[in-house]
């Protein structure tokens, strides 16, 4: 089954939300719909980025998973951008 990942640049947290809650919530959101392969938090150019890697049968299903992850993330923090990519060979390409 193909691997996809959603990358979300995160801005300000909503009041009362602890930073340590956001990534596990994003991964759990994907986990309600599919198998989560990995999740990670990175800081790029001073901006926090959540990455959730998961499996999906096709792009349509992957978009549904990514939308759900984005919605859960938006309930906790301000999402600035999001990108869905697919693993093709050894590269991540825009899905």
N, C-alpha and C. Protein backbone atom coordinates (compact mmCIF):
# COMPACT_ATOMS: atom_id res chain seq x y z
N UNK A 1 0.86 -1.17 0.00
CA UNK A 1 0.00 0.00 0.00
C UNK A 1 0.91 1.24 0.00
N UNK A 2 0.58 2.24 -0.79
CA UNK A 2 1.42 3.44 -0.89
C UNK A 2 1.50 4.23 0.43
N UNK A 3 2.64 4.88 0.61
CA UNK A 3 2.84 5.77 1.75
C UNK A 3 2.60 7.21 1.33
N UNK A 4 1.94 7.94 2.19
CA UNK A 4 1.70 9.36 2.01
C UNK A 4 2.14 10.07 3.28
N UNK A 5 2.32 11.37 3.18
CA UNK A 5 2.55 12.14 4.40
C UNK A 5 1.91 13.51 4.23
N UNK A 6 1.40 13.99 5.33
CA UNK A 6 0.87 15.34 5.39
C UNK A 6 1.83 16.14 6.26
N UNK A 7 2.23 17.29 5.73
CA UNK A 7 3.13 18.20 6.45
C UNK A 7 2.36 19.47 6.71
N UNK A 8 2.29 19.87 7.97
CA UNK A 8 1.52 21.05 8.36
C UNK A 8 2.43 22.02 9.09
N UNK A 9 2.56 23.24 8.55
CA UNK A 9 3.28 24.30 9.25
C UNK A 9 2.32 24.87 10.28
N UNK A 10 2.75 24.89 11.53
CA UNK A 10 1.88 25.29 12.63
C UNK A 10 2.31 26.64 13.19
N UNK A 11 1.33 27.51 13.38
CA UNK A 11 1.59 28.81 14.00
C UNK A 11 1.26 28.75 15.47
N UNK A 12 0.56 29.75 15.94
CA UNK A 12 0.24 29.88 17.36
C UNK A 12 -0.69 28.77 17.85
N UNK A 13 -0.45 28.33 19.06
CA UNK A 13 -1.35 27.37 19.71
C UNK A 13 -2.57 28.11 20.23
N UNK A 14 -3.70 27.40 20.28
CA UNK A 14 -4.89 27.99 20.88
C UNK A 14 -4.69 28.08 22.40
N UNK A 15 -5.36 29.02 23.04
CA UNK A 15 -5.20 29.18 24.50
C UNK A 15 -5.44 27.87 25.24
N UNK A 16 -4.54 27.58 26.15
CA UNK A 16 -4.68 26.39 27.00
C UNK A 16 -4.16 25.10 26.39
N UNK A 17 -3.67 25.14 25.16
CA UNK A 17 -3.16 23.93 24.51
C UNK A 17 -1.65 23.83 24.76
N UNK A 18 -1.25 22.70 25.30
CA UNK A 18 0.18 22.46 25.54
C UNK A 18 0.84 22.01 24.24
N UNK A 19 2.04 22.46 23.97
CA UNK A 19 2.72 22.08 22.73
C UNK A 19 2.87 20.57 22.55
N UNK A 20 3.06 19.86 23.63
CA UNK A 20 3.27 18.41 23.57
C UNK A 20 2.04 17.63 23.14
N UNK A 21 0.90 18.28 23.06
CA UNK A 21 -0.36 17.61 22.72
C UNK A 21 -0.59 17.55 21.22
N UNK A 22 -0.05 18.50 20.48
CA UNK A 22 -0.44 18.69 19.08
C UNK A 22 -0.01 17.52 18.19
N UNK A 23 1.24 17.13 18.21
CA UNK A 23 1.70 16.04 17.34
C UNK A 23 1.00 14.72 17.65
N UNK A 24 0.90 14.29 18.91
CA UNK A 24 0.18 13.04 19.18
C UNK A 24 -1.28 13.10 18.72
N UNK A 25 -1.91 14.25 18.86
CA UNK A 25 -3.31 14.38 18.40
C UNK A 25 -3.40 14.26 16.89
N UNK A 26 -2.45 14.85 16.17
CA UNK A 26 -2.45 14.76 14.71
C UNK A 26 -2.25 13.31 14.26
N UNK A 27 -1.31 12.62 14.88
CA UNK A 27 -1.06 11.22 14.54
C UNK A 27 -2.25 10.34 14.89
N UNK A 28 -2.87 10.60 16.04
CA UNK A 28 -4.04 9.83 16.44
C UNK A 28 -5.20 10.04 15.48
N UNK A 29 -5.33 11.28 14.96
CA UNK A 29 -6.40 11.56 13.99
C UNK A 29 -6.22 10.69 12.75
N UNK A 30 -5.00 10.61 12.25
CA UNK A 30 -4.75 9.75 11.09
C UNK A 30 -5.00 8.29 11.45
N UNK A 31 -4.61 7.91 12.66
CA UNK A 31 -4.77 6.53 13.11
C UNK A 31 -6.21 6.06 13.21
N UNK A 32 -7.15 7.00 13.30
CA UNK A 32 -8.56 6.59 13.32
C UNK A 32 -9.04 6.16 11.95
N UNK A 33 -8.27 6.52 10.89
CA UNK A 33 -8.69 6.21 9.53
C UNK A 33 -7.78 5.23 8.79
N UNK A 34 -6.53 5.12 9.23
CA UNK A 34 -5.56 4.29 8.51
C UNK A 34 -4.39 3.94 9.42
N UNK A 35 -3.40 3.28 8.86
CA UNK A 35 -2.20 2.93 9.61
C UNK A 35 -1.21 4.10 9.56
N UNK A 36 -0.76 4.52 10.71
CA UNK A 36 0.24 5.58 10.80
C UNK A 36 1.61 4.91 10.82
N UNK A 37 2.47 5.33 9.90
CA UNK A 37 3.81 4.76 9.82
C UNK A 37 4.80 5.52 10.69
N UNK A 38 4.62 6.83 10.80
CA UNK A 38 5.54 7.65 11.60
C UNK A 38 4.93 9.03 11.79
N UNK A 39 5.44 9.74 12.79
CA UNK A 39 5.08 11.14 12.98
C UNK A 39 6.30 11.85 13.53
N UNK A 40 6.42 13.12 13.20
CA UNK A 40 7.61 13.86 13.60
C UNK A 40 7.29 15.34 13.67
N UNK A 41 8.10 16.03 14.44
CA UNK A 41 8.02 17.48 14.55
C UNK A 41 9.38 18.03 14.18
N UNK A 42 9.40 19.02 13.30
CA UNK A 42 10.67 19.67 12.96
C UNK A 42 10.46 21.18 12.98
N UNK A 43 11.56 21.89 13.03
CA UNK A 43 11.51 23.34 12.96
C UNK A 43 12.31 23.74 11.73
N UNK A 44 11.64 24.40 10.80
CA UNK A 44 12.27 24.83 9.55
C UNK A 44 12.08 26.33 9.42
N UNK A 45 13.18 27.04 9.32
CA UNK A 45 13.15 28.51 9.19
C UNK A 45 12.33 29.13 10.32
N UNK A 46 12.46 28.58 11.52
CA UNK A 46 11.78 29.12 12.69
C UNK A 46 10.31 28.76 12.80
N UNK A 47 9.83 27.90 11.92
CA UNK A 47 8.43 27.50 11.93
C UNK A 47 8.30 26.02 12.26
N UNK A 48 7.38 25.70 13.19
CA UNK A 48 7.14 24.30 13.55
C UNK A 48 6.38 23.60 12.42
N UNK A 49 6.81 22.38 12.13
CA UNK A 49 6.15 21.57 11.10
C UNK A 49 5.86 20.19 11.64
N UNK A 50 4.60 19.80 11.55
CA UNK A 50 4.18 18.45 11.92
C UNK A 50 4.20 17.60 10.67
N UNK A 51 4.70 16.39 10.79
CA UNK A 51 4.70 15.46 9.67
C UNK A 51 4.07 14.16 10.15
N UNK A 52 3.03 13.73 9.46
CA UNK A 52 2.39 12.46 9.78
C UNK A 52 2.42 11.61 8.51
N UNK A 53 3.10 10.47 8.61
CA UNK A 53 3.22 9.55 7.48
C UNK A 53 2.25 8.40 7.70
N UNK A 54 1.54 8.04 6.63
CA UNK A 54 0.49 7.03 6.74
C UNK A 54 0.32 6.28 5.43
N UNK A 55 -0.40 5.17 5.47
CA UNK A 55 -0.71 4.42 4.26
C UNK A 55 -2.12 4.76 3.80
N UNK A 56 -2.31 4.68 2.49
CA UNK A 56 -3.64 4.88 1.91
C UNK A 56 -3.70 4.16 0.57
N UNK A 57 -4.88 3.71 0.21
CA UNK A 57 -5.05 2.96 -1.04
C UNK A 57 -4.79 3.82 -2.26
N UNK A 58 -5.19 5.09 -2.20
CA UNK A 58 -5.02 5.98 -3.35
C UNK A 58 -5.05 7.43 -2.87
N UNK A 59 -4.91 8.33 -3.82
CA UNK A 59 -4.85 9.75 -3.48
C UNK A 59 -6.14 10.25 -2.82
N UNK A 60 -7.27 9.78 -3.29
CA UNK A 60 -8.55 10.22 -2.73
C UNK A 60 -8.64 9.91 -1.24
N UNK A 61 -8.27 8.69 -0.87
CA UNK A 61 -8.29 8.30 0.54
C UNK A 61 -7.24 9.10 1.31
N UNK A 62 -6.07 9.29 0.72
CA UNK A 62 -5.01 10.06 1.37
C UNK A 62 -5.46 11.49 1.64
N UNK A 63 -6.19 12.09 0.72
CA UNK A 63 -6.70 13.45 0.92
C UNK A 63 -7.69 13.50 2.08
N UNK A 64 -8.52 12.47 2.21
CA UNK A 64 -9.47 12.41 3.32
C UNK A 64 -8.73 12.33 4.66
N UNK A 65 -7.69 11.51 4.70
CA UNK A 65 -6.90 11.38 5.92
C UNK A 65 -6.21 12.71 6.24
N UNK A 66 -5.59 13.31 5.22
CA UNK A 66 -4.90 14.59 5.42
C UNK A 66 -5.87 15.67 5.88
N UNK A 67 -7.06 15.71 5.31
CA UNK A 67 -8.06 16.71 5.73
C UNK A 67 -8.45 16.51 7.19
N UNK A 68 -8.58 15.26 7.60
CA UNK A 68 -8.94 14.97 9.00
C UNK A 68 -7.82 15.39 9.95
N UNK A 69 -6.59 15.09 9.57
CA UNK A 69 -5.43 15.50 10.38
C UNK A 69 -5.38 17.02 10.47
N UNK A 70 -5.61 17.69 9.37
CA UNK A 70 -5.59 19.15 9.35
C UNK A 70 -6.70 19.72 10.24
N UNK A 71 -7.89 19.13 10.20
CA UNK A 71 -9.00 19.62 11.03
C UNK A 71 -8.70 19.46 12.52
N UNK A 72 -8.14 18.32 12.89
CA UNK A 72 -7.79 18.10 14.30
C UNK A 72 -6.69 19.06 14.72
N UNK A 73 -5.70 19.25 13.88
CA UNK A 73 -4.62 20.19 14.18
C UNK A 73 -5.18 21.61 14.33
N UNK A 74 -6.10 21.99 13.45
CA UNK A 74 -6.70 23.34 13.50
C UNK A 74 -7.50 23.55 14.78
N UNK A 75 -7.98 22.49 15.40
CA UNK A 75 -8.71 22.64 16.66
C UNK A 75 -7.77 22.93 17.82
N UNK A 76 -6.46 22.73 17.61
CA UNK A 76 -5.47 22.92 18.65
C UNK A 76 -4.52 24.09 18.40
N UNK A 77 -4.29 24.39 17.12
CA UNK A 77 -3.31 25.40 16.75
C UNK A 77 -3.66 25.99 15.39
N UNK A 78 -2.98 27.06 15.06
CA UNK A 78 -3.21 27.72 13.77
C UNK A 78 -2.38 27.03 12.68
N UNK A 79 -3.05 26.32 11.75
CA UNK A 79 -2.29 25.74 10.64
C UNK A 79 -2.02 26.83 9.60
N UNK A 80 -0.76 26.97 9.20
CA UNK A 80 -0.41 27.99 8.21
C UNK A 80 -0.45 27.45 6.80
N UNK A 81 0.14 26.30 6.60
CA UNK A 81 0.12 25.63 5.29
C UNK A 81 0.06 24.14 5.52
N UNK A 82 -0.38 23.42 4.51
CA UNK A 82 -0.32 21.96 4.56
C UNK A 82 -0.02 21.44 3.17
N UNK A 83 0.70 20.31 3.15
CA UNK A 83 1.08 19.68 1.89
C UNK A 83 0.91 18.18 2.02
N UNK A 84 0.35 17.57 0.98
CA UNK A 84 0.22 16.13 0.92
C UNK A 84 1.22 15.62 -0.11
N UNK A 85 2.05 14.66 0.29
CA UNK A 85 3.02 14.07 -0.63
C UNK A 85 2.90 12.55 -0.60
N UNK A 86 3.37 11.93 -1.69
CA UNK A 86 3.33 10.48 -1.84
C UNK A 86 4.75 9.97 -2.06
N UNK A 87 5.05 8.84 -1.45
CA UNK A 87 6.36 8.22 -1.63
C UNK A 87 6.36 7.47 -2.95
N UNK A 88 7.26 7.87 -3.84
CA UNK A 88 7.42 7.22 -5.14
C UNK A 88 8.90 6.88 -5.28
N UNK A 89 9.21 5.61 -5.24
CA UNK A 89 10.62 5.19 -5.23
C UNK A 89 11.25 5.70 -3.96
N UNK A 90 12.32 6.45 -4.08
CA UNK A 90 12.99 7.01 -2.90
C UNK A 90 12.69 8.46 -2.69
N UNK A 91 11.66 8.99 -3.33
CA UNK A 91 11.37 10.42 -3.26
C UNK A 91 9.94 10.69 -2.80
N UNK A 92 9.73 11.86 -2.20
CA UNK A 92 8.41 12.34 -1.83
C UNK A 92 7.97 13.33 -2.90
N UNK A 93 6.87 13.02 -3.58
CA UNK A 93 6.34 13.87 -4.65
C UNK A 93 4.97 14.39 -4.26
N UNK A 94 4.65 15.59 -4.69
CA UNK A 94 3.33 16.16 -4.40
C UNK A 94 2.26 15.20 -4.91
N UNK A 95 1.34 14.86 -4.03
CA UNK A 95 0.29 13.88 -4.38
C UNK A 95 -0.75 14.49 -5.29
